[in-house]
PDB file of N, CA and C in Angstrom:
ATOM      1  N   UNK A   1      -9.563  20.188 -41.147  1.00  0.00           N
ATOM      2  CA  UNK A   1      -8.644  19.120 -41.446  1.00  0.00           C
ATOM      3  C   UNK A   1      -7.755  19.517 -42.614  1.00  0.00           C
ATOM      4  N   UNK A   2      -6.559  18.990 -42.587  1.00  0.00           N
ATOM      5  CA  UNK A   2      -5.571  19.331 -43.594  1.00  0.00           C
ATOM      6  C   UNK A   2      -5.879  18.651 -44.927  1.00  0.00           C
ATOM      7  N   UNK A   3      -5.537  19.329 -46.015  1.00  0.00           N
ATOM      8  CA  UNK A   3      -5.672  18.719 -47.330  1.00  0.00           C
ATOM      9  C   UNK A   3      -4.291  18.374 -47.878  1.00  0.00           C
ATOM     10  N   UNK A   4      -3.254  18.529 -47.081  1.00  0.00           N
ATOM     11  CA  UNK A   4      -1.893  18.225 -47.498  1.00  0.00           C
ATOM     12  C   UNK A   4      -1.620  16.734 -47.311  1.00  0.00           C
ATOM     13  N   UNK A   5      -0.978  16.130 -48.302  1.00  0.00           N
ATOM     14  CA  UNK A   5      -0.638  14.715 -48.244  1.00  0.00           C
ATOM     15  C   UNK A   5       0.508  14.530 -47.249  1.00  0.00           C
ATOM     16  N   UNK A   6       0.295  13.689 -46.264  1.00  0.00           N
ATOM     17  CA  UNK A   6       1.322  13.429 -45.252  1.00  0.00           C
ATOM     18  C   UNK A   6       2.331  12.385 -45.729  1.00  0.00           C
ATOM     19  N   UNK A   7       1.878  11.441 -46.552  1.00  0.00           N
ATOM     20  CA  UNK A   7       2.752  10.373 -47.024  1.00  0.00           C
ATOM     21  C   UNK A   7       2.252   9.886 -48.371  1.00  0.00           C
ATOM     22  N   UNK A   8       3.190   9.583 -49.271  1.00  0.00           N
ATOM     23  CA  UNK A   8       2.859   9.021 -50.579  1.00  0.00           C
ATOM     24  C   UNK A   8       3.504   7.649 -50.698  1.00  0.00           C
ATOM     25  N   UNK A   9       2.718   6.694 -51.146  1.00  0.00           N
ATOM     26  CA  UNK A   9       3.216   5.338 -51.362  1.00  0.00           C
ATOM     27  C   UNK A   9       3.226   5.036 -52.855  1.00  0.00           C
ATOM     28  N   UNK A  10       4.375   4.599 -53.370  1.00  0.00           N
ATOM     29  CA  UNK A  10       4.476   4.168 -54.764  1.00  0.00           C
ATOM     30  C   UNK A  10       4.301   2.656 -54.777  1.00  0.00           C
ATOM     31  N   UNK A  11       3.110   2.216 -55.136  1.00  0.00           N
ATOM     32  CA  UNK A  11       2.762   0.799 -55.128  1.00  0.00           C
ATOM     33  C   UNK A  11       2.645   0.248 -56.540  1.00  0.00           C
ATOM     34  N   UNK A  12       3.159   1.008 -57.502  1.00  0.00           N
ATOM     35  CA  UNK A  12       3.059   0.601 -58.901  1.00  0.00           C
ATOM     36  C   UNK A  12       3.815  -0.717 -59.117  1.00  0.00           C
ATOM     37  N   UNK A  13       3.193  -1.606 -59.867  1.00  0.00           N
ATOM     38  CA  UNK A  13       3.808  -2.899 -60.165  1.00  0.00           C
ATOM     39  C   UNK A  13       3.466  -3.984 -59.160  1.00  0.00           C
ATOM     40  N   UNK A  14       2.849  -3.625 -58.043  1.00  0.00           N
ATOM     41  CA  UNK A  14       2.474  -4.611 -57.037  1.00  0.00           C
ATOM     42  C   UNK A  14       1.064  -5.131 -57.312  1.00  0.00           C
ATOM     43  N   UNK A  15       0.862  -6.412 -57.047  1.00  0.00           N
ATOM     44  CA  UNK A  15      -0.449  -7.033 -57.245  1.00  0.00           C
ATOM     45  C   UNK A  15      -1.134  -7.253 -55.908  1.00  0.00           C
ATOM     46  N   UNK A  16      -2.432  -7.434 -55.992  1.00  0.00           N
ATOM     47  CA  UNK A  16      -3.263  -7.700 -54.828  1.00  0.00           C
ATOM     48  C   UNK A  16      -2.672  -8.875 -54.037  1.00  0.00           C
ATOM     49  N   UNK A  17      -2.585  -8.796 -52.751  1.00  0.00           N
ATOM     50  CA  UNK A  17      -3.116  -7.775 -51.852  1.00  0.00           C
ATOM     51  C   UNK A  17      -2.096  -6.748 -51.393  1.00  0.00           C
ATOM     52  N   UNK A  18      -0.900  -6.733 -52.008  1.00  0.00           N
ATOM     53  CA  UNK A  18       0.186  -5.883 -51.504  1.00  0.00           C
ATOM     54  C   UNK A  18      -0.136  -4.397 -51.420  1.00  0.00           C
ATOM     55  N   UNK A  19      -0.828  -3.784 -52.400  1.00  0.00           N
ATOM     56  CA  UNK A  19      -1.124  -2.355 -52.234  1.00  0.00           C
ATOM     57  C   UNK A  19      -1.923  -2.049 -50.960  1.00  0.00           C
ATOM     58  N   UNK A  20      -2.878  -2.894 -50.627  1.00  0.00           N
ATOM     59  CA  UNK A  20      -3.671  -2.690 -49.422  1.00  0.00           C
ATOM     60  C   UNK A  20      -2.835  -2.964 -48.183  1.00  0.00           C
ATOM     61  N   UNK A  21      -2.071  -4.042 -48.202  1.00  0.00           N
ATOM     62  CA  UNK A  21      -1.246  -4.399 -47.039  1.00  0.00           C
ATOM     63  C   UNK A  21      -0.269  -3.273 -46.715  1.00  0.00           C
ATOM     64  N   UNK A  22       0.416  -2.758 -47.725  1.00  0.00           N
ATOM     65  CA  UNK A  22       1.399  -1.699 -47.492  1.00  0.00           C
ATOM     66  C   UNK A  22       0.726  -0.393 -47.059  1.00  0.00           C
ATOM     67  N   UNK A  23      -0.449  -0.110 -47.598  1.00  0.00           N
ATOM     68  CA  UNK A  23      -1.184   1.091 -47.190  1.00  0.00           C
ATOM     69  C   UNK A  23      -1.643   0.949 -45.741  1.00  0.00           C
ATOM     70  N   UNK A  24      -2.135  -0.222 -45.382  1.00  0.00           N
ATOM     71  CA  UNK A  24      -2.597  -0.457 -44.014  1.00  0.00           C
ATOM     72  C   UNK A  24      -1.451  -0.290 -43.011  1.00  0.00           C
ATOM     73  N   UNK A  25      -0.265  -0.746 -43.378  1.00  0.00           N
ATOM     74  CA  UNK A  25       0.893  -0.591 -42.497  1.00  0.00           C
ATOM     75  C   UNK A  25       1.283   0.877 -42.376  1.00  0.00           C
ATOM     76  N   UNK A  26       1.319   1.580 -43.496  1.00  0.00           N
ATOM     77  CA  UNK A  26       1.771   2.972 -43.506  1.00  0.00           C
ATOM     78  C   UNK A  26       0.791   3.911 -42.822  1.00  0.00           C
ATOM     79  N   UNK A  27      -0.504   3.647 -42.942  1.00  0.00           N
ATOM     80  CA  UNK A  27      -1.493   4.578 -42.385  1.00  0.00           C
ATOM     81  C   UNK A  27      -1.439   4.583 -40.853  1.00  0.00           C
ATOM     82  N   UNK A  28      -0.940   3.515 -40.271  1.00  0.00           N
ATOM     83  CA  UNK A  28      -0.802   3.435 -38.811  1.00  0.00           C
ATOM     84  C   UNK A  28       0.199   4.468 -38.284  1.00  0.00           C
ATOM     85  N   UNK A  29       1.103   4.933 -39.145  1.00  0.00           N
ATOM     86  CA  UNK A  29       2.119   5.906 -38.749  1.00  0.00           C
ATOM     87  C   UNK A  29       1.580   7.339 -38.778  1.00  0.00           C
ATOM     88  N   UNK A  30       0.383   7.529 -39.328  1.00  0.00           N
ATOM     89  CA  UNK A  30      -0.196   8.861 -39.447  1.00  0.00           C
ATOM     90  C   UNK A  30      -1.077   9.187 -38.250  1.00  0.00           C
ATOM     91  N   UNK A  31      -1.289  10.469 -38.051  1.00  0.00           N
ATOM     92  CA  UNK A  31      -2.215  10.940 -37.028  1.00  0.00           C
ATOM     93  C   UNK A  31      -3.625  10.955 -37.614  1.00  0.00           C
ATOM     94  N   UNK A  32      -4.655  10.801 -36.781  1.00  0.00           N
ATOM     95  CA  UNK A  32      -6.026  10.895 -37.296  1.00  0.00           C
ATOM     96  C   UNK A  32      -6.241  12.202 -38.061  1.00  0.00           C
ATOM     97  N   UNK A  33      -6.886  12.086 -39.216  1.00  0.00           N
ATOM     98  CA  UNK A  33      -7.152  13.253 -40.051  1.00  0.00           C
ATOM     99  C   UNK A  33      -6.102  13.491 -41.118  1.00  0.00           C
ATOM    100  N   UNK A  34      -4.916  12.888 -40.984  1.00  0.00           N
ATOM    101  CA  UNK A  34      -3.878  13.075 -42.004  1.00  0.00           C
ATOM    102  C   UNK A  34      -4.200  12.235 -43.238  1.00  0.00           C
ATOM    103  N   UNK A  35      -3.648  12.664 -44.375  1.00  0.00           N
ATOM    104  CA  UNK A  35      -3.910  12.012 -45.657  1.00  0.00           C
ATOM    105  C   UNK A  35      -2.729  11.184 -46.121  1.00  0.00           C
ATOM    106  N   UNK A  36      -3.044  10.043 -46.721  1.00  0.00           N
ATOM    107  CA  UNK A  36      -2.032   9.222 -47.369  1.00  0.00           C
ATOM    108  C   UNK A  36      -2.445   9.062 -48.828  1.00  0.00           C
ATOM    109  N   UNK A  37      -1.467   9.107 -49.712  1.00  0.00           N
ATOM    110  CA  UNK A  37      -1.702   8.956 -51.145  1.00  0.00           C
ATOM    111  C   UNK A  37      -1.080   7.631 -51.573  1.00  0.00           C
ATOM    112  N   UNK A  38      -1.845   6.820 -52.271  1.00  0.00           N
ATOM    113  CA  UNK A  38      -1.355   5.539 -52.773  1.00  0.00           C
ATOM    114  C   UNK A  38      -1.466   5.527 -54.288  1.00  0.00           C
ATOM    115  N   UNK A  39      -0.372   5.168 -54.952  1.00  0.00           N
ATOM    116  CA  UNK A  39      -0.334   5.090 -56.412  1.00  0.00           C
ATOM    117  C   UNK A  39      -0.146   3.625 -56.798  1.00  0.00           C
ATOM    118  N   UNK A  40      -1.083   3.074 -57.549  1.00  0.00           N
ATOM    119  CA  UNK A  40      -1.044   1.655 -57.905  1.00  0.00           C
ATOM    120  C   UNK A  40      -1.366   1.460 -59.384  1.00  0.00           C
ATOM    121  N   UNK A  41      -0.910   0.340 -59.931  1.00  0.00           N
ATOM    122  CA  UNK A  41      -1.196   0.023 -61.335  1.00  0.00           C
ATOM    123  C   UNK A  41      -2.098  -1.197 -61.469  1.00  0.00           C
ATOM    124  N   UNK A  42      -2.392  -1.874 -60.383  1.00  0.00           N
ATOM    125  CA  UNK A  42      -3.257  -3.055 -60.409  1.00  0.00           C
ATOM    126  C   UNK A  42      -4.719  -2.619 -60.486  1.00  0.00           C
ATOM    127  N   UNK A  43      -5.430  -2.952 -61.574  1.00  0.00           N
ATOM    128  CA  UNK A  43      -6.841  -2.560 -61.678  1.00  0.00           C
ATOM    129  C   UNK A  43      -7.686  -3.102 -60.521  1.00  0.00           C
ATOM    130  N   UNK A  44      -7.269  -4.205 -59.937  1.00  0.00           N
ATOM    131  CA  UNK A  44      -7.981  -4.770 -58.804  1.00  0.00           C
ATOM    132  C   UNK A  44      -7.894  -3.916 -57.558  1.00  0.00           C
ATOM    133  N   UNK A  45      -6.988  -2.947 -57.573  1.00  0.00           N
ATOM    134  CA  UNK A  45      -6.848  -2.078 -56.401  1.00  0.00           C
ATOM    135  C   UNK A  45      -8.058  -1.156 -56.241  1.00  0.00           C
ATOM    136  N   UNK A  46      -8.780  -0.896 -57.318  1.00  0.00           N
ATOM    137  CA  UNK A  46      -9.950  -0.009 -57.225  1.00  0.00           C
ATOM    138  C   UNK A  46     -11.012  -0.592 -56.288  1.00  0.00           C
ATOM    139  N   UNK A  47     -11.517  -1.801 -56.545  1.00  0.00           N
ATOM    140  CA  UNK A  47     -12.487  -2.350 -55.591  1.00  0.00           C
ATOM    141  C   UNK A  47     -11.858  -2.648 -54.231  1.00  0.00           C
ATOM    142  N   UNK A  48     -10.571  -3.009 -54.227  1.00  0.00           N
ATOM    143  CA  UNK A  48      -9.897  -3.313 -52.957  1.00  0.00           C
ATOM    144  C   UNK A  48      -9.852  -2.095 -52.043  1.00  0.00           C
ATOM    145  N   UNK A  49      -9.448  -0.947 -52.578  1.00  0.00           N
ATOM    146  CA  UNK A  49      -9.350   0.258 -51.751  1.00  0.00           C
ATOM    147  C   UNK A  49     -10.729   0.718 -51.291  1.00  0.00           C
ATOM    148  N   UNK A  50     -11.736   0.575 -52.148  1.00  0.00           N
ATOM    149  CA  UNK A  50     -13.098   0.933 -51.749  1.00  0.00           C
ATOM    150  C   UNK A  50     -13.566   0.059 -50.587  1.00  0.00           C
ATOM    151  N   UNK A  51     -13.384  -1.241 -50.709  1.00  0.00           N
ATOM    152  CA  UNK A  51     -13.820  -2.171 -49.666  1.00  0.00           C
ATOM    153  C   UNK A  51     -13.020  -1.971 -48.379  1.00  0.00           C
ATOM    154  N   UNK A  52     -11.722  -1.785 -48.509  1.00  0.00           N
ATOM    155  CA  UNK A  52     -10.861  -1.600 -47.337  1.00  0.00           C
ATOM    156  C   UNK A  52     -11.237  -0.327 -46.592  1.00  0.00           C
ATOM    157  N   UNK A  53     -11.484   0.752 -47.315  1.00  0.00           N
ATOM    158  CA  UNK A  53     -11.871   2.011 -46.681  1.00  0.00           C
ATOM    159  C   UNK A  53     -13.182   1.849 -45.906  1.00  0.00           C
ATOM    160  N   UNK A  54     -14.141   1.201 -46.523  1.00  0.00           N
ATOM    161  CA  UNK A  54     -15.428   0.971 -45.843  1.00  0.00           C
ATOM    162  C   UNK A  54     -15.252   0.122 -44.589  1.00  0.00           C
ATOM    163  N   UNK A  55     -14.450  -0.928 -44.682  1.00  0.00           N
ATOM    164  CA  UNK A  55     -14.321  -1.857 -43.550  1.00  0.00           C
ATOM    165  C   UNK A  55     -13.486  -1.286 -42.406  1.00  0.00           C
ATOM    166  N   UNK A  56     -12.576  -0.358 -42.704  1.00  0.00           N
ATOM    167  CA  UNK A  56     -11.707   0.200 -41.656  1.00  0.00           C
ATOM    168  C   UNK A  56     -12.220   1.530 -41.117  1.00  0.00           C
ATOM    169  N   UNK A  57     -13.102   2.190 -41.872  1.00  0.00           N
ATOM    170  CA  UNK A  57     -13.592   3.497 -41.444  1.00  0.00           C
ATOM    171  C   UNK A  57     -12.741   4.651 -41.925  1.00  0.00           C
ATOM    172  N   UNK A  58     -11.641   4.366 -42.619  1.00  0.00           N
ATOM    173  CA  UNK A  58     -10.838   5.438 -43.207  1.00  0.00           C
ATOM    174  C   UNK A  58     -11.609   6.007 -44.397  1.00  0.00           C
ATOM    175  N   UNK A  59     -11.480   7.315 -44.606  1.00  0.00           N
ATOM    176  CA  UNK A  59     -12.246   7.971 -45.661  1.00  0.00           C
ATOM    177  C   UNK A  59     -11.468   7.995 -46.971  1.00  0.00           C
ATOM    178  N   UNK A  60     -12.059   7.421 -48.020  1.00  0.00           N
ATOM    179  CA  UNK A  60     -11.479   7.499 -49.363  1.00  0.00           C
ATOM    180  C   UNK A  60     -11.879   8.859 -49.921  1.00  0.00           C
ATOM    181  N   UNK A  61     -10.959   9.813 -49.856  1.00  0.00           N
ATOM    182  CA  UNK A  61     -11.228  11.206 -50.208  1.00  0.00           C
ATOM    183  C   UNK A  61     -11.246  11.401 -51.722  1.00  0.00           C
ATOM    184  N   UNK A  62     -10.345  10.711 -52.403  1.00  0.00           N
ATOM    185  CA  UNK A  62     -10.206  10.907 -53.845  1.00  0.00           C
ATOM    186  C   UNK A  62      -9.731   9.619 -54.491  1.00  0.00           C
ATOM    187  N   UNK A  63     -10.249   9.357 -55.692  1.00  0.00           N
ATOM    188  CA  UNK A  63      -9.837   8.193 -56.463  1.00  0.00           C
ATOM    189  C   UNK A  63      -9.827   8.596 -57.926  1.00  0.00           C
ATOM    190  N   UNK A  64      -8.660   8.512 -58.571  1.00  0.00           N
ATOM    191  CA  UNK A  64      -8.544   8.884 -59.978  1.00  0.00           C
ATOM    192  C   UNK A  64      -7.691   7.846 -60.703  1.00  0.00           C
ATOM    193  N   UNK A  65      -7.745   7.893 -62.028  1.00  0.00           N
ATOM    194  CA  UNK A  65      -6.919   7.031 -62.862  1.00  0.00           C
ATOM    195  C   UNK A  65      -6.404   7.863 -64.018  1.00  0.00           C
ATOM    196  N   UNK A  66      -5.112   7.751 -64.260  1.00  0.00           N
ATOM    197  CA  UNK A  66      -4.518   8.464 -65.395  1.00  0.00           C
ATOM    198  C   UNK A  66      -3.354   7.638 -65.923  1.00  0.00           C
ATOM    199  N   UNK A  67      -3.440   7.283 -67.193  1.00  0.00           N
ATOM    200  CA  UNK A  67      -2.357   6.530 -67.822  1.00  0.00           C
ATOM    201  C   UNK A  67      -2.080   5.183 -67.173  1.00  0.00           C
ATOM    202  N   UNK A  68      -3.125   4.543 -66.666  1.00  0.00           N
ATOM    203  CA  UNK A  68      -2.950   3.235 -66.053  1.00  0.00           C
ATOM    204  C   UNK A  68      -2.486   3.275 -64.607  1.00  0.00           C
ATOM    205  N   UNK A  69      -2.364   4.478 -64.044  1.00  0.00           N
ATOM    206  CA  UNK A  69      -1.982   4.620 -62.638  1.00  0.00           C
ATOM    207  C   UNK A  69      -3.204   5.079 -61.847  1.00  0.00           C
ATOM    208  N   UNK A  70      -3.544   4.296 -60.860  1.00  0.00           N
ATOM    209  CA  UNK A  70      -4.678   4.603 -59.986  1.00  0.00           C
ATOM    210  C   UNK A  70      -4.161   5.350 -58.761  1.00  0.00           C
ATOM    211  N   UNK A  71      -4.814   6.464 -58.457  1.00  0.00           N
ATOM    212  CA  UNK A  71      -4.398   7.302 -57.323  1.00  0.00           C
ATOM    213  C   UNK A  71      -5.522   7.318 -56.300  1.00  0.00           C
ATOM    214  N   UNK A  72      -5.152   6.986 -55.081  1.00  0.00           N
ATOM    215  CA  UNK A  72      -6.108   6.966 -53.977  1.00  0.00           C
ATOM    216  C   UNK A  72      -5.603   7.904 -52.888  1.00  0.00           C
ATOM    217  N   UNK A  73      -6.473   8.758 -52.395  1.00  0.00           N
ATOM    218  CA  UNK A  73      -6.144   9.626 -51.267  1.00  0.00           C
ATOM    219  C   UNK A  73      -7.086   9.231 -50.132  1.00  0.00           C
ATOM    220  N   UNK A  74      -6.480   8.853 -49.010  1.00  0.00           N
ATOM    221  CA  UNK A  74      -7.267   8.319 -47.889  1.00  0.00           C
ATOM    222  C   UNK A  74      -6.958   9.118 -46.633  1.00  0.00           C
ATOM    223  N   UNK A  75      -8.026   9.487 -45.916  1.00  0.00           N
ATOM    224  CA  UNK A  75      -7.882  10.209 -44.651  1.00  0.00           C
ATOM    225  C   UNK A  75      -7.964   9.199 -43.511  1.00  0.00           C
ATOM    226  N   UNK A  76      -6.944   9.231 -42.666  1.00  0.00           N
ATOM    227  CA  UNK A  76      -6.941   8.308 -41.524  1.00  0.00           C
ATOM    228  C   UNK A  76      -8.040   8.690 -40.541  1.00  0.00           C
ATOM    229  N   UNK A  77      -8.752   7.704 -40.054  1.00  0.00           N
ATOM    230  CA  UNK A  77      -9.818   7.967 -39.084  1.00  0.00           C
ATOM    231  C   UNK A  77      -9.240   8.170 -37.700  1.00  0.00           C
TER     232      UNK A  77
END
């Protein structure tokens, strides 16, 4: 499987549930196995992305935080 990011979403400044909603819409455009990167500033996005990944079956490959920006890398199932 590829480790190259297929799409990056800048979700900074958006509050729950918009980061998840926009990621859910965008991931539908990817092929299975492709990666999407989501950048968010809402601290609530951390539990949201974890729960969403578990409930949808998409793999949360990476989750980091730097300077108040949360970065999520998700592999489409």
